[in-house]
Amino acid sequence: MTKPCGSCGRQLEDDARFCSDCGQRTPEKQADTPSTPASSPHVSSEQQDWVKFLGPGSTYYLQQFERFRGEGGDQFALTWNWYPFLVGWLWFLYRKMYLYAAVFAVGPFLTISLLKGMEPLFIWGIVAGGLSNYLYYGHVKRSLDMLHSQPRVSGNIWNQTLSDVGGVQPYVWWLGAGIVIMTIALGLGIMDPSPEDHPPPNQPASLEDI
């Protein structure tokens, strides 16, 4: 095979590095470099959407989410998250997972009332700590799929939408602090004093006592 010289137009061998007439160096043939999915704009944009939707702690959760992605699709994997184990339903509320927050708020109290003991509370904590990352992954994926199915808006509005639908609710930790204070107050009897602590005022003497 031959190729033309870029300077004088003489036909040269395909592997020739210099033109035999004018001495011009021929350009080297560059190997085709296939584009990788990681460098495509679509994947990069999708990754950015996940980061903006997650908000605080996105690096940690993206690493955990990789364990749920298999070659054949999503798959369950047991992981551990200390926050749901320690604070329970407050973590789900903090991450705007309202249905799960209701389940993990009501479930332990119903179980305790039925089984008469505090052991179920610990079991619910184990379940929350072990399943929370997987439940959160499903929540984020469903939410992003719903948002992507809608007409795309401009960049700033799209980013604000991701933050509004996703992200976190910082007020939840103040709510948790208030619950702890209220629980301690009830335990000490400050907010629910017994009748013995405040006896009724003296009643006027009856006629029989005069």
N, C-alpha and C. Protein backbone atom coordinates (compact mmCIF):
# COMPACT_ATOMS: atom_id res chain seq x y z
N MET A 1 0.84 -1.19 0.00
CA MET A 1 0.00 0.00 0.00
C MET A 1 0.88 1.25 0.00
N THR A 2 0.36 2.29 -0.61
CA THR A 2 1.11 3.53 -0.69
C THR A 2 0.31 4.66 -0.08
N LYS A 3 1.01 5.75 0.15
CA LYS A 3 0.38 6.95 0.69
C LYS A 3 1.03 8.16 0.06
N PRO A 4 0.30 9.25 -0.13
CA PRO A 4 0.90 10.43 -0.76
C PRO A 4 1.71 11.24 0.25
N CYS A 5 2.76 11.89 -0.25
CA CYS A 5 3.55 12.79 0.58
C CYS A 5 2.74 14.06 0.82
N GLY A 6 2.72 14.51 2.04
CA GLY A 6 1.96 15.70 2.37
C GLY A 6 2.56 16.98 1.81
N SER A 7 3.80 16.93 1.35
CA SER A 7 4.47 18.13 0.84
C SER A 7 4.45 18.20 -0.69
N CYS A 8 4.93 17.12 -1.36
CA CYS A 8 5.04 17.15 -2.82
C CYS A 8 4.03 16.25 -3.51
N GLY A 9 3.36 15.36 -2.79
CA GLY A 9 2.35 14.51 -3.38
C GLY A 9 2.85 13.21 -3.95
N ARG A 10 4.14 12.92 -3.85
CA ARG A 10 4.68 11.68 -4.40
C ARG A 10 4.14 10.49 -3.61
N GLN A 11 3.85 9.42 -4.34
CA GLN A 11 3.36 8.21 -3.71
C GLN A 11 4.51 7.48 -3.02
N LEU A 12 4.34 7.21 -1.74
CA LEU A 12 5.36 6.56 -0.95
C LEU A 12 4.82 5.26 -0.38
N GLU A 13 5.73 4.41 0.03
CA GLU A 13 5.33 3.19 0.69
C GLU A 13 4.63 3.53 2.02
N ASP A 14 3.76 2.66 2.41
CA ASP A 14 2.96 2.93 3.59
C ASP A 14 3.82 3.06 4.84
N ASP A 15 4.95 2.34 4.88
CA ASP A 15 5.81 2.38 6.06
C ASP A 15 6.96 3.36 5.93
N ALA A 16 6.98 4.18 4.87
CA ALA A 16 8.07 5.15 4.67
C ALA A 16 7.95 6.28 5.67
N ARG A 17 9.08 6.68 6.24
CA ARG A 17 9.09 7.74 7.24
C ARG A 17 9.50 9.08 6.64
N PHE A 18 10.16 9.06 5.48
CA PHE A 18 10.57 10.29 4.81
C PHE A 18 10.26 10.18 3.32
N CYS A 19 9.97 11.32 2.71
CA CYS A 19 9.73 11.35 1.26
C CYS A 19 11.07 11.25 0.52
N SER A 20 11.11 10.38 -0.52
CA SER A 20 12.36 10.17 -1.27
C SER A 20 12.67 11.33 -2.19
N ASP A 21 11.67 12.22 -2.48
CA ASP A 21 11.89 13.37 -3.35
C ASP A 21 12.24 14.62 -2.56
N CYS A 22 11.35 15.02 -1.65
CA CYS A 22 11.56 16.28 -0.94
C CYS A 22 12.15 16.11 0.45
N GLY A 23 12.20 14.90 0.93
CA GLY A 23 12.76 14.66 2.25
C GLY A 23 11.83 15.00 3.41
N GLN A 24 10.59 15.36 3.10
CA GLN A 24 9.63 15.71 4.16
C GLN A 24 9.30 14.47 4.98
N ARG A 25 9.25 14.67 6.33
CA ARG A 25 8.91 13.56 7.22
C ARG A 25 7.41 13.28 7.12
N THR A 26 7.09 12.04 6.98
CA THR A 26 5.68 11.65 6.88
C THR A 26 5.09 11.48 8.28
N PRO A 27 3.85 11.86 8.48
CA PRO A 27 3.24 11.70 9.80
C PRO A 27 3.06 10.23 10.16
N GLU A 28 3.33 9.92 11.43
CA GLU A 28 3.18 8.54 11.88
C GLU A 28 1.71 8.23 12.09
N LYS A 29 1.35 7.00 11.79
CA LYS A 29 -0.02 6.56 11.95
C LYS A 29 -0.29 6.30 13.43
N GLN A 30 -1.31 6.93 13.93
CA GLN A 30 -1.64 6.77 15.34
C GLN A 30 -2.64 5.64 15.51
N ALA A 31 -2.39 4.85 16.53
CA ALA A 31 -3.30 3.73 16.81
C ALA A 31 -4.61 4.25 17.36
N ASP A 32 -5.66 3.60 16.91
CA ASP A 32 -6.98 3.99 17.39
C ASP A 32 -7.13 3.62 18.86
N THR A 33 -7.56 4.58 19.64
CA THR A 33 -7.74 4.35 21.07
C THR A 33 -9.23 4.37 21.36
N PRO A 34 -9.80 3.20 21.63
CA PRO A 34 -11.24 3.18 21.91
C PRO A 34 -11.55 3.94 23.17
N SER A 35 -12.64 4.64 23.13
CA SER A 35 -13.06 5.41 24.31
C SER A 35 -13.61 4.48 25.36
N THR A 36 -13.27 4.72 26.58
CA THR A 36 -13.73 3.91 27.69
C THR A 36 -15.02 4.50 28.24
N PRO A 37 -15.87 3.64 28.80
CA PRO A 37 -17.12 4.17 29.33
C PRO A 37 -16.92 5.21 30.41
N ALA A 38 -15.82 5.10 31.16
CA ALA A 38 -15.62 6.04 32.26
C ALA A 38 -15.36 7.45 31.76
N SER A 39 -14.82 7.57 30.48
CA SER A 39 -14.52 8.90 29.97
C SER A 39 -15.66 9.49 29.14
N SER A 40 -16.74 8.75 28.96
CA SER A 40 -17.84 9.27 28.16
C SER A 40 -18.62 10.30 28.96
N PRO A 41 -19.15 11.33 28.29
CA PRO A 41 -19.86 12.37 29.01
C PRO A 41 -21.08 11.85 29.74
N HIS A 42 -21.75 10.80 29.18
CA HIS A 42 -22.98 10.29 29.80
C HIS A 42 -22.68 9.70 31.18
N VAL A 43 -21.64 8.86 31.25
CA VAL A 43 -21.30 8.24 32.53
C VAL A 43 -20.83 9.29 33.52
N SER A 44 -20.04 10.25 33.07
CA SER A 44 -19.55 11.29 33.96
C SER A 44 -20.70 12.11 34.52
N SER A 45 -21.66 12.45 33.67
CA SER A 45 -22.82 13.21 34.12
C SER A 45 -23.65 12.40 35.10
N GLU A 46 -23.83 11.12 34.82
CA GLU A 46 -24.59 10.26 35.74
C GLU A 46 -23.91 10.17 37.09
N GLN A 47 -22.59 10.04 37.09
CA GLN A 47 -21.85 9.97 38.35
C GLN A 47 -22.02 11.27 39.14
N GLN A 48 -21.98 12.38 38.46
CA GLN A 48 -22.18 13.66 39.13
C GLN A 48 -23.57 13.77 39.73
N ASP A 49 -24.57 13.22 39.04
CA ASP A 49 -25.93 13.24 39.57
C ASP A 49 -26.01 12.45 40.87
N TRP A 50 -25.35 11.32 40.92
CA TRP A 50 -25.35 10.52 42.16
C TRP A 50 -24.69 11.28 43.29
N VAL A 51 -23.57 11.94 43.00
CA VAL A 51 -22.86 12.68 44.05
C VAL A 51 -23.71 13.82 44.58
N LYS A 52 -24.34 14.57 43.68
CA LYS A 52 -25.17 15.70 44.11
C LYS A 52 -26.41 15.25 44.83
N PHE A 53 -26.99 14.12 44.43
CA PHE A 53 -28.18 13.61 45.10
C PHE A 53 -27.84 13.12 46.50
N LEU A 54 -26.71 12.45 46.66
CA LEU A 54 -26.34 11.91 47.97
C LEU A 54 -26.00 13.01 48.97
N GLY A 55 -25.29 14.02 48.52
CA GLY A 55 -24.90 15.09 49.44
C GLY A 55 -23.78 14.64 50.37
N PRO A 56 -23.85 14.98 51.65
CA PRO A 56 -22.77 14.60 52.58
C PRO A 56 -22.57 13.09 52.63
N GLY A 57 -21.30 12.70 52.64
CA GLY A 57 -20.98 11.27 52.71
C GLY A 57 -21.09 10.55 51.39
N SER A 58 -21.11 11.28 50.27
CA SER A 58 -21.31 10.63 48.97
C SER A 58 -20.18 9.66 48.65
N THR A 59 -18.94 9.97 49.03
CA THR A 59 -17.82 9.08 48.73
C THR A 59 -18.01 7.73 49.40
N TYR A 60 -18.40 7.74 50.66
CA TYR A 60 -18.61 6.49 51.40
C TYR A 60 -19.73 5.67 50.77
N TYR A 61 -20.86 6.31 50.47
CA TYR A 61 -22.01 5.56 49.95
C TYR A 61 -21.77 5.06 48.54
N LEU A 62 -21.06 5.80 47.71
CA LEU A 62 -20.74 5.31 46.37
C LEU A 62 -19.86 4.07 46.43
N GLN A 63 -18.95 4.03 47.38
CA GLN A 63 -18.13 2.83 47.56
C GLN A 63 -18.97 1.65 48.01
N GLN A 64 -19.91 1.88 48.91
CA GLN A 64 -20.79 0.80 49.37
C GLN A 64 -21.72 0.34 48.24
N PHE A 65 -22.18 1.27 47.43
CA PHE A 65 -23.12 0.93 46.37
C PHE A 65 -22.50 0.03 45.31
N GLU A 66 -21.18 0.11 45.14
CA GLU A 66 -20.52 -0.74 44.16
C GLU A 66 -20.69 -2.21 44.50
N ARG A 67 -20.92 -2.54 45.74
CA ARG A 67 -21.09 -3.94 46.15
C ARG A 67 -22.45 -4.48 45.74
N PHE A 68 -23.37 -3.59 45.39
CA PHE A 68 -24.71 -4.02 45.00
C PHE A 68 -24.88 -4.11 43.49
N ARG A 69 -23.85 -3.75 42.75
CA ARG A 69 -23.92 -3.79 41.29
C ARG A 69 -23.18 -5.01 40.78
N GLY A 70 -23.91 -5.91 40.15
CA GLY A 70 -23.31 -7.11 39.58
C GLY A 70 -23.39 -7.10 38.07
N GLU A 71 -22.76 -8.09 37.45
CA GLU A 71 -22.78 -8.16 35.99
C GLU A 71 -24.19 -8.40 35.46
N GLY A 72 -24.98 -9.16 36.19
CA GLY A 72 -26.34 -9.44 35.74
C GLY A 72 -27.37 -8.47 36.26
N GLY A 73 -26.95 -7.44 36.97
CA GLY A 73 -27.89 -6.48 37.55
C GLY A 73 -27.62 -6.28 39.02
N ASP A 74 -28.54 -5.64 39.69
CA ASP A 74 -28.37 -5.36 41.11
C ASP A 74 -28.45 -6.66 41.91
N GLN A 75 -27.68 -6.72 42.98
CA GLN A 75 -27.67 -7.88 43.84
C GLN A 75 -27.51 -7.44 45.29
N PHE A 76 -28.05 -8.23 46.19
CA PHE A 76 -27.96 -7.90 47.61
C PHE A 76 -26.60 -8.29 48.17
N ALA A 77 -26.07 -7.43 49.01
CA ALA A 77 -24.83 -7.72 49.73
C ALA A 77 -24.96 -7.14 51.13
N LEU A 78 -24.54 -7.88 52.11
CA LEU A 78 -24.65 -7.43 53.49
C LEU A 78 -23.53 -6.45 53.81
N THR A 79 -23.89 -5.25 54.22
CA THR A 79 -22.92 -4.23 54.63
C THR A 79 -23.30 -3.74 56.02
N TRP A 80 -22.53 -2.82 56.54
CA TRP A 80 -22.81 -2.33 57.88
C TRP A 80 -22.67 -0.81 57.93
N ASN A 81 -23.63 -0.17 58.61
CA ASN A 81 -23.62 1.27 58.81
C ASN A 81 -23.97 1.54 60.27
N TRP A 82 -23.05 2.19 60.98
CA TRP A 82 -23.24 2.40 62.41
C TRP A 82 -24.35 3.39 62.72
N TYR A 83 -24.57 4.36 61.86
CA TYR A 83 -25.56 5.40 62.17
C TYR A 83 -26.97 4.84 62.33
N PRO A 84 -27.48 4.03 61.39
CA PRO A 84 -28.82 3.47 61.61
C PRO A 84 -28.88 2.55 62.83
N PHE A 85 -27.77 1.87 63.12
CA PHE A 85 -27.76 1.00 64.29
C PHE A 85 -27.91 1.80 65.58
N LEU A 86 -27.28 2.97 65.63
CA LEU A 86 -27.28 3.76 66.86
C LEU A 86 -28.51 4.64 67.00
N VAL A 87 -28.95 5.27 65.90
CA VAL A 87 -30.06 6.22 65.99
C VAL A 87 -31.33 5.73 65.33
N GLY A 88 -31.29 4.57 64.67
CA GLY A 88 -32.49 3.96 64.13
C GLY A 88 -33.19 4.80 63.08
N TRP A 89 -34.48 5.04 63.31
CA TRP A 89 -35.33 5.70 62.32
C TRP A 89 -34.90 7.13 62.04
N LEU A 90 -34.15 7.76 62.93
CA LEU A 90 -33.70 9.13 62.69
C LEU A 90 -32.76 9.20 61.49
N TRP A 91 -31.95 8.16 61.29
CA TRP A 91 -31.05 8.17 60.14
C TRP A 91 -31.84 8.11 58.84
N PHE A 92 -32.87 7.27 58.79
CA PHE A 92 -33.69 7.18 57.58
C PHE A 92 -34.40 8.51 57.31
N LEU A 93 -34.86 9.17 58.36
CA LEU A 93 -35.47 10.47 58.19
C LEU A 93 -34.45 11.50 57.72
N TYR A 94 -33.23 11.40 58.23
CA TYR A 94 -32.15 12.31 57.84
C TYR A 94 -31.84 12.18 56.35
N ARG A 95 -31.94 10.97 55.82
CA ARG A 95 -31.68 10.71 54.41
C ARG A 95 -32.94 10.77 53.56
N LYS A 96 -34.05 11.29 54.10
CA LYS A 96 -35.31 11.50 53.39
C LYS A 96 -35.92 10.20 52.88
N MET A 97 -35.77 9.14 53.66
CA MET A 97 -36.39 7.86 53.36
C MET A 97 -37.58 7.71 54.32
N TYR A 98 -38.66 8.39 54.00
CA TYR A 98 -39.76 8.57 54.95
C TYR A 98 -40.49 7.27 55.27
N LEU A 99 -40.68 6.41 54.28
CA LEU A 99 -41.37 5.15 54.54
C LEU A 99 -40.57 4.27 55.49
N TYR A 100 -39.28 4.15 55.22
CA TYR A 100 -38.44 3.34 56.10
C TYR A 100 -38.33 3.97 57.48
N ALA A 101 -38.34 5.29 57.54
CA ALA A 101 -38.30 5.96 58.85
C ALA A 101 -39.53 5.59 59.67
N ALA A 102 -40.69 5.54 59.01
CA ALA A 102 -41.91 5.16 59.72
C ALA A 102 -41.86 3.71 60.19
N VAL A 103 -41.34 2.83 59.34
CA VAL A 103 -41.25 1.41 59.70
C VAL A 103 -40.34 1.21 60.89
N PHE A 104 -39.16 1.85 60.87
CA PHE A 104 -38.20 1.64 61.95
C PHE A 104 -38.52 2.49 63.18
N ALA A 105 -39.51 3.37 63.08
CA ALA A 105 -39.96 4.11 64.25
C ALA A 105 -41.07 3.37 64.98
N VAL A 106 -42.01 2.82 64.22
CA VAL A 106 -43.17 2.15 64.81
C VAL A 106 -42.87 0.70 65.13
N GLY A 107 -42.12 0.04 64.25
CA GLY A 107 -41.85 -1.39 64.42
C GLY A 107 -41.26 -1.78 65.76
N PRO A 108 -40.20 -1.12 66.23
CA PRO A 108 -39.63 -1.52 67.53
C PRO A 108 -40.61 -1.41 68.69
N PHE A 109 -41.43 -0.35 68.73
CA PHE A 109 -42.36 -0.17 69.84
C PHE A 109 -43.46 -1.23 69.80
N LEU A 110 -43.95 -1.57 68.60
CA LEU A 110 -44.94 -2.63 68.51
C LEU A 110 -44.36 -3.96 68.95
N THR A 111 -43.13 -4.24 68.55
CA THR A 111 -42.49 -5.49 68.93
C THR A 111 -42.27 -5.57 70.43
N ILE A 112 -41.85 -4.46 71.03
CA ILE A 112 -41.62 -4.44 72.48
C ILE A 112 -42.93 -4.65 73.24
N SER A 113 -44.00 -4.02 72.77
CA SER A 113 -45.29 -4.17 73.46
C SER A 113 -45.83 -5.59 73.35
N LEU A 114 -45.50 -6.29 72.26
CA LEU A 114 -45.98 -7.66 72.08
C LEU A 114 -45.11 -8.67 72.82
N LEU A 115 -43.81 -8.48 72.77
CA LEU A 115 -42.89 -9.47 73.36
C LEU A 115 -42.47 -9.14 74.78
N LYS A 116 -42.80 -7.94 75.26
CA LYS A 116 -42.52 -7.55 76.64
C LYS A 116 -41.04 -7.69 76.98
N GLY A 117 -40.25 -6.84 76.39
CA GLY A 117 -38.82 -6.83 76.69
C GLY A 117 -38.10 -5.85 75.79
N MET A 118 -36.84 -5.54 76.14
CA MET A 118 -36.06 -4.59 75.36
C MET A 118 -35.20 -5.27 74.31
N GLU A 119 -35.17 -6.61 74.29
CA GLU A 119 -34.35 -7.32 73.32
C GLU A 119 -34.73 -7.00 71.87
N PRO A 120 -36.04 -6.88 71.55
CA PRO A 120 -36.38 -6.55 70.15
C PRO A 120 -35.80 -5.23 69.67
N LEU A 121 -35.59 -4.29 70.57
CA LEU A 121 -35.00 -3.01 70.17
C LEU A 121 -33.59 -3.21 69.63
N PHE A 122 -32.84 -4.09 70.25
CA PHE A 122 -31.48 -4.40 69.78
C PHE A 122 -31.53 -5.12 68.44
N ILE A 123 -32.50 -6.02 68.27
CA ILE A 123 -32.63 -6.74 67.01
C ILE A 123 -32.96 -5.78 65.87
N TRP A 124 -33.86 -4.85 66.12
CA TRP A 124 -34.18 -3.84 65.10
C TRP A 124 -32.96 -3.00 64.73
N GLY A 125 -32.11 -2.71 65.71
CA GLY A 125 -30.88 -1.98 65.43
C GLY A 125 -29.94 -2.76 64.53
N ILE A 126 -29.83 -4.08 64.77
CA ILE A 126 -28.99 -4.93 63.92
C ILE A 126 -29.53 -4.93 62.49
N VAL A 127 -30.84 -5.05 62.36
CA VAL A 127 -31.45 -5.07 61.02
C VAL A 127 -31.21 -3.74 60.31
N ALA A 128 -31.38 -2.63 61.02
CA ALA A 128 -31.17 -1.32 60.41
C ALA A 128 -29.72 -1.13 59.99
N GLY A 129 -28.78 -1.51 60.84
CA GLY A 129 -27.37 -1.35 60.50
C GLY A 129 -26.93 -2.20 59.33
N GLY A 130 -27.51 -3.41 59.19
CA GLY A 130 -27.09 -4.31 58.13
C GLY A 130 -27.76 -4.07 56.80
N LEU A 131 -28.98 -3.53 56.80
CA LEU A 131 -29.72 -3.35 55.55
C LEU A 131 -29.76 -1.92 55.06
N SER A 132 -29.34 -0.97 55.86
CA SER A 132 -29.54 0.44 55.53
C SER A 132 -28.86 0.84 54.23
N ASN A 133 -27.64 0.43 53.99
CA ASN A 133 -26.95 0.82 52.75
C ASN A 133 -27.66 0.28 51.52
N TYR A 134 -28.13 -0.95 51.60
CA TYR A 134 -28.83 -1.54 50.45
C TYR A 134 -30.17 -0.85 50.23
N LEU A 135 -30.89 -0.57 51.31
CA LEU A 135 -32.16 0.15 51.17
C LEU A 135 -31.94 1.55 50.62
N TYR A 136 -30.87 2.19 51.05
CA TYR A 136 -30.57 3.53 50.57
C TYR A 136 -30.20 3.50 49.09
N TYR A 137 -29.46 2.49 48.68
CA TYR A 137 -29.10 2.36 47.27
C TYR A 137 -30.35 2.25 46.40
N GLY A 138 -31.30 1.42 46.81
CA GLY A 138 -32.54 1.29 46.05
C GLY A 138 -33.33 2.59 46.02
N HIS A 139 -33.34 3.30 47.14
CA HIS A 139 -34.05 4.57 47.21
C HIS A 139 -33.45 5.59 46.26
N VAL A 140 -32.13 5.72 46.26
CA VAL A 140 -31.46 6.70 45.40
C VAL A 140 -31.64 6.34 43.94
N LYS A 141 -31.53 5.07 43.61
CA LYS A 141 -31.65 4.66 42.20
C LYS A 141 -33.06 4.91 41.69
N ARG A 142 -34.07 4.57 42.47
CA ARG A 142 -35.45 4.81 42.04
C ARG A 142 -35.72 6.31 41.88
N SER A 143 -35.21 7.10 42.80
CA SER A 143 -35.44 8.55 42.73
C SER A 143 -34.77 9.16 41.51
N LEU A 144 -33.54 8.74 41.21
CA LEU A 144 -32.85 9.27 40.04
C LEU A 144 -33.51 8.81 38.75
N ASP A 145 -33.97 7.57 38.71
CA ASP A 145 -34.68 7.10 37.51
C ASP A 145 -35.94 7.93 37.28
N MET A 146 -36.64 8.26 38.36
CA MET A 146 -37.85 9.07 38.23
C MET A 146 -37.50 10.47 37.72
N LEU A 147 -36.43 11.06 38.25
CA LEU A 147 -36.03 12.40 37.81
C LEU A 147 -35.55 12.39 36.37
N HIS A 148 -34.81 11.36 35.97
CA HIS A 148 -34.30 11.29 34.60
C HIS A 148 -35.42 11.05 33.59
N SER A 149 -36.54 10.49 34.03
CA SER A 149 -37.66 10.25 33.12
C SER A 149 -38.43 11.52 32.80
N GLN A 150 -38.21 12.57 33.56
CA GLN A 150 -38.89 13.84 33.35
C GLN A 150 -38.07 14.70 32.39
N PRO A 151 -38.70 15.69 31.78
CA PRO A 151 -37.95 16.58 30.87
C PRO A 151 -36.78 17.25 31.58
N ARG A 152 -35.62 17.23 30.95
CA ARG A 152 -34.41 17.79 31.55
C ARG A 152 -34.49 19.31 31.55
N VAL A 153 -34.10 19.89 32.66
CA VAL A 153 -34.10 21.34 32.80
C VAL A 153 -32.67 21.85 32.76
N SER A 154 -32.50 23.16 32.90
CA SER A 154 -31.17 23.76 32.83
C SER A 154 -30.31 23.30 34.00
N GLY A 155 -29.02 23.53 33.88
CA GLY A 155 -28.06 23.01 34.85
C GLY A 155 -28.32 23.42 36.28
N ASN A 156 -28.51 24.71 36.52
CA ASN A 156 -28.69 25.18 37.89
C ASN A 156 -29.99 24.64 38.50
N ILE A 157 -31.06 24.63 37.71
CA ILE A 157 -32.33 24.12 38.22
C ILE A 157 -32.24 22.62 38.46
N TRP A 158 -31.53 21.91 37.60
CA TRP A 158 -31.35 20.46 37.76
C TRP A 158 -30.57 20.16 39.03
N ASN A 159 -29.51 20.89 39.28
CA ASN A 159 -28.72 20.67 40.49
C ASN A 159 -29.55 20.97 41.74
N GLN A 160 -30.36 22.01 41.67
CA GLN A 160 -31.21 22.34 42.82
C GLN A 160 -32.26 21.26 43.04
N THR A 161 -32.77 20.69 41.95
CA THR A 161 -33.75 19.61 42.07
C THR A 161 -33.12 18.39 42.73
N LEU A 162 -31.91 18.07 42.34
CA LEU A 162 -31.21 16.93 42.95
C LEU A 162 -31.02 17.15 44.45
N SER A 163 -30.69 18.38 44.83
CA SER A 163 -30.49 18.68 46.25
C SER A 163 -31.80 18.65 47.02
N ASP A 164 -32.88 19.10 46.38
CA ASP A 164 -34.17 19.14 47.06
C ASP A 164 -34.74 17.74 47.27
N VAL A 165 -34.69 16.91 46.22
CA VAL A 165 -35.22 15.56 46.33
C VAL A 165 -34.29 14.67 47.14
N GLY A 166 -32.99 14.82 46.92
CA GLY A 166 -32.01 14.03 47.67
C GLY A 166 -31.45 14.82 48.83
N GLY A 167 -30.16 14.64 49.07
CA GLY A 167 -29.51 15.37 50.17
C GLY A 167 -29.97 14.87 51.53
N VAL A 168 -29.84 15.73 52.51
CA VAL A 168 -30.14 15.36 53.89
C VAL A 168 -30.99 16.45 54.54
N GLN A 169 -31.49 16.14 55.73
CA GLN A 169 -32.26 17.09 56.52
C GLN A 169 -31.53 17.30 57.86
N PRO A 170 -30.73 18.34 57.97
CA PRO A 170 -29.93 18.54 59.18
C PRO A 170 -30.75 18.72 60.45
N TYR A 171 -31.99 19.19 60.32
CA TYR A 171 -32.80 19.43 61.52
C TYR A 171 -33.06 18.14 62.29
N VAL A 172 -32.88 17.00 61.64
CA VAL A 172 -33.19 15.72 62.28
C VAL A 172 -32.34 15.52 63.53
N TRP A 173 -31.09 15.98 63.51
CA TRP A 173 -30.23 15.78 64.68
C TRP A 173 -30.71 16.63 65.84
N TRP A 174 -31.28 17.81 65.56
CA TRP A 174 -31.87 18.60 66.64
C TRP A 174 -33.11 17.90 67.18
N LEU A 175 -33.87 17.29 66.29
CA LEU A 175 -35.03 16.51 66.74
C LEU A 175 -34.58 15.35 67.62
N GLY A 176 -33.51 14.69 67.22
CA GLY A 176 -33.00 13.58 68.02
C GLY A 176 -32.53 14.05 69.39
N ALA A 177 -31.85 15.21 69.43
CA ALA A 177 -31.40 15.74 70.71
C ALA A 177 -32.59 16.07 71.61
N GLY A 178 -33.66 16.62 71.01
CA GLY A 178 -34.86 16.92 71.80
C GLY A 178 -35.50 15.67 72.36
N ILE A 179 -35.52 14.59 71.56
CA ILE A 179 -36.10 13.34 72.03
C ILE A 179 -35.29 12.77 73.19
N VAL A 180 -33.97 12.84 73.07
CA VAL A 180 -33.11 12.34 74.15
C VAL A 180 -33.34 13.12 75.44
N ILE A 181 -33.41 14.45 75.32
CA ILE A 181 -33.64 15.29 76.51
C ILE A 181 -35.00 14.98 77.12
N MET A 182 -36.01 14.81 76.30
CA MET A 182 -37.35 14.51 76.80
C MET A 182 -37.38 13.15 77.49
N THR A 183 -36.67 12.19 76.91
CA THR A 183 -36.64 10.86 77.50
C THR A 183 -35.96 10.88 78.86
N ILE A 184 -34.86 11.62 78.94
CA ILE A 184 -34.15 11.72 80.22
C ILE A 184 -35.03 12.43 81.25
N ALA A 185 -35.73 13.48 80.81
CA ALA A 185 -36.60 14.21 81.73
C ALA A 185 -37.72 13.33 82.25
N LEU A 186 -38.32 12.54 81.39
CA LEU A 186 -39.37 11.63 81.83
C LEU A 186 -38.83 10.57 82.77
N GLY A 187 -37.60 10.10 82.46
CA GLY A 187 -37.00 9.10 83.34
C GLY A 187 -36.71 9.63 84.72
N LEU A 188 -36.36 10.89 84.81
CA LEU A 188 -36.07 11.49 86.12
C LEU A 188 -37.33 12.00 86.81
N GLY A 189 -38.46 11.96 86.14
CA GLY A 189 -39.70 12.40 86.74
C GLY A 189 -39.88 13.90 86.75
N ILE A 190 -39.12 14.61 85.90
CA ILE A 190 -39.22 16.07 85.91
C ILE A 190 -40.50 16.53 85.21
N MET A 191 -40.82 15.88 84.10
CA MET A 191 -41.98 16.31 83.33
C MET A 191 -43.26 15.57 83.72
N ASP A 192 -43.15 14.55 84.56
CA ASP A 192 -44.33 13.79 84.97
C ASP A 192 -44.25 13.51 86.47
N PRO A 193 -44.36 14.53 87.29
CA PRO A 193 -44.21 14.34 88.73
C PRO A 193 -45.35 13.51 89.30
N SER A 194 -45.02 12.73 90.29
CA SER A 194 -46.04 11.91 90.94
C SER A 194 -46.87 12.77 91.88
N PRO A 195 -48.09 12.35 92.21
CA PRO A 195 -48.95 13.16 93.09
C PRO A 195 -48.35 13.37 94.48
N GLU A 196 -47.50 12.42 94.94
CA GLU A 196 -46.92 12.57 96.25
C GLU A 196 -45.96 13.74 96.34
N ASP A 197 -45.35 14.10 95.18
CA ASP A 197 -44.40 15.21 95.20
C ASP A 197 -45.10 16.54 95.39
N HIS A 198 -46.34 16.64 95.00
CA HIS A 198 -47.09 17.89 95.12
C HIS A 198 -48.44 17.57 95.78
N PRO A 199 -48.51 17.51 97.12
CA PRO A 199 -49.76 17.18 97.79
C PRO A 199 -50.78 18.28 97.59
N PRO A 200 -52.06 17.93 97.62
CA PRO A 200 -53.10 18.96 97.42
C PRO A 200 -53.08 19.96 98.56
N PRO A 201 -53.54 21.18 98.31
CA PRO A 201 -53.54 22.20 99.36
C PRO A 201 -54.48 21.80 100.50
N ASN A 202 -54.23 22.39 101.66
CA ASN A 202 -55.03 22.07 102.83
C ASN A 202 -56.49 22.44 102.59
N GLN A 203 -57.35 21.51 102.93
CA GLN A 203 -58.77 21.75 102.80
C GLN A 203 -59.31 22.39 104.07
N PRO A 204 -60.34 23.23 103.94
CA PRO A 204 -60.90 23.82 105.16
C PRO A 204 -61.51 22.76 106.08
N ALA A 205 -61.41 22.99 107.35
CA ALA A 205 -61.89 22.01 108.34
C ALA A 205 -63.40 21.88 108.25
N SER A 206 -63.84 20.65 108.37
CA SER A 206 -65.29 20.39 108.35
C SER A 206 -65.91 20.75 109.69
N LEU A 207 -67.23 20.82 109.73
CA LEU A 207 -67.95 21.16 110.97
C LEU A 207 -67.74 20.10 112.03
N GLU A 208 -67.52 18.85 111.62
CA GLU A 208 -67.36 17.79 112.62
C GLU A 208 -66.07 17.92 113.38
N ASP A 209 -65.06 18.58 112.75
CA ASP A 209 -63.76 18.72 113.42
C ASP A 209 -63.73 19.92 114.35
N ILE A 210 -64.78 20.77 114.34
CA ILE A 210 -64.76 21.97 115.19
C ILE A 210 -65.23 21.62 116.59
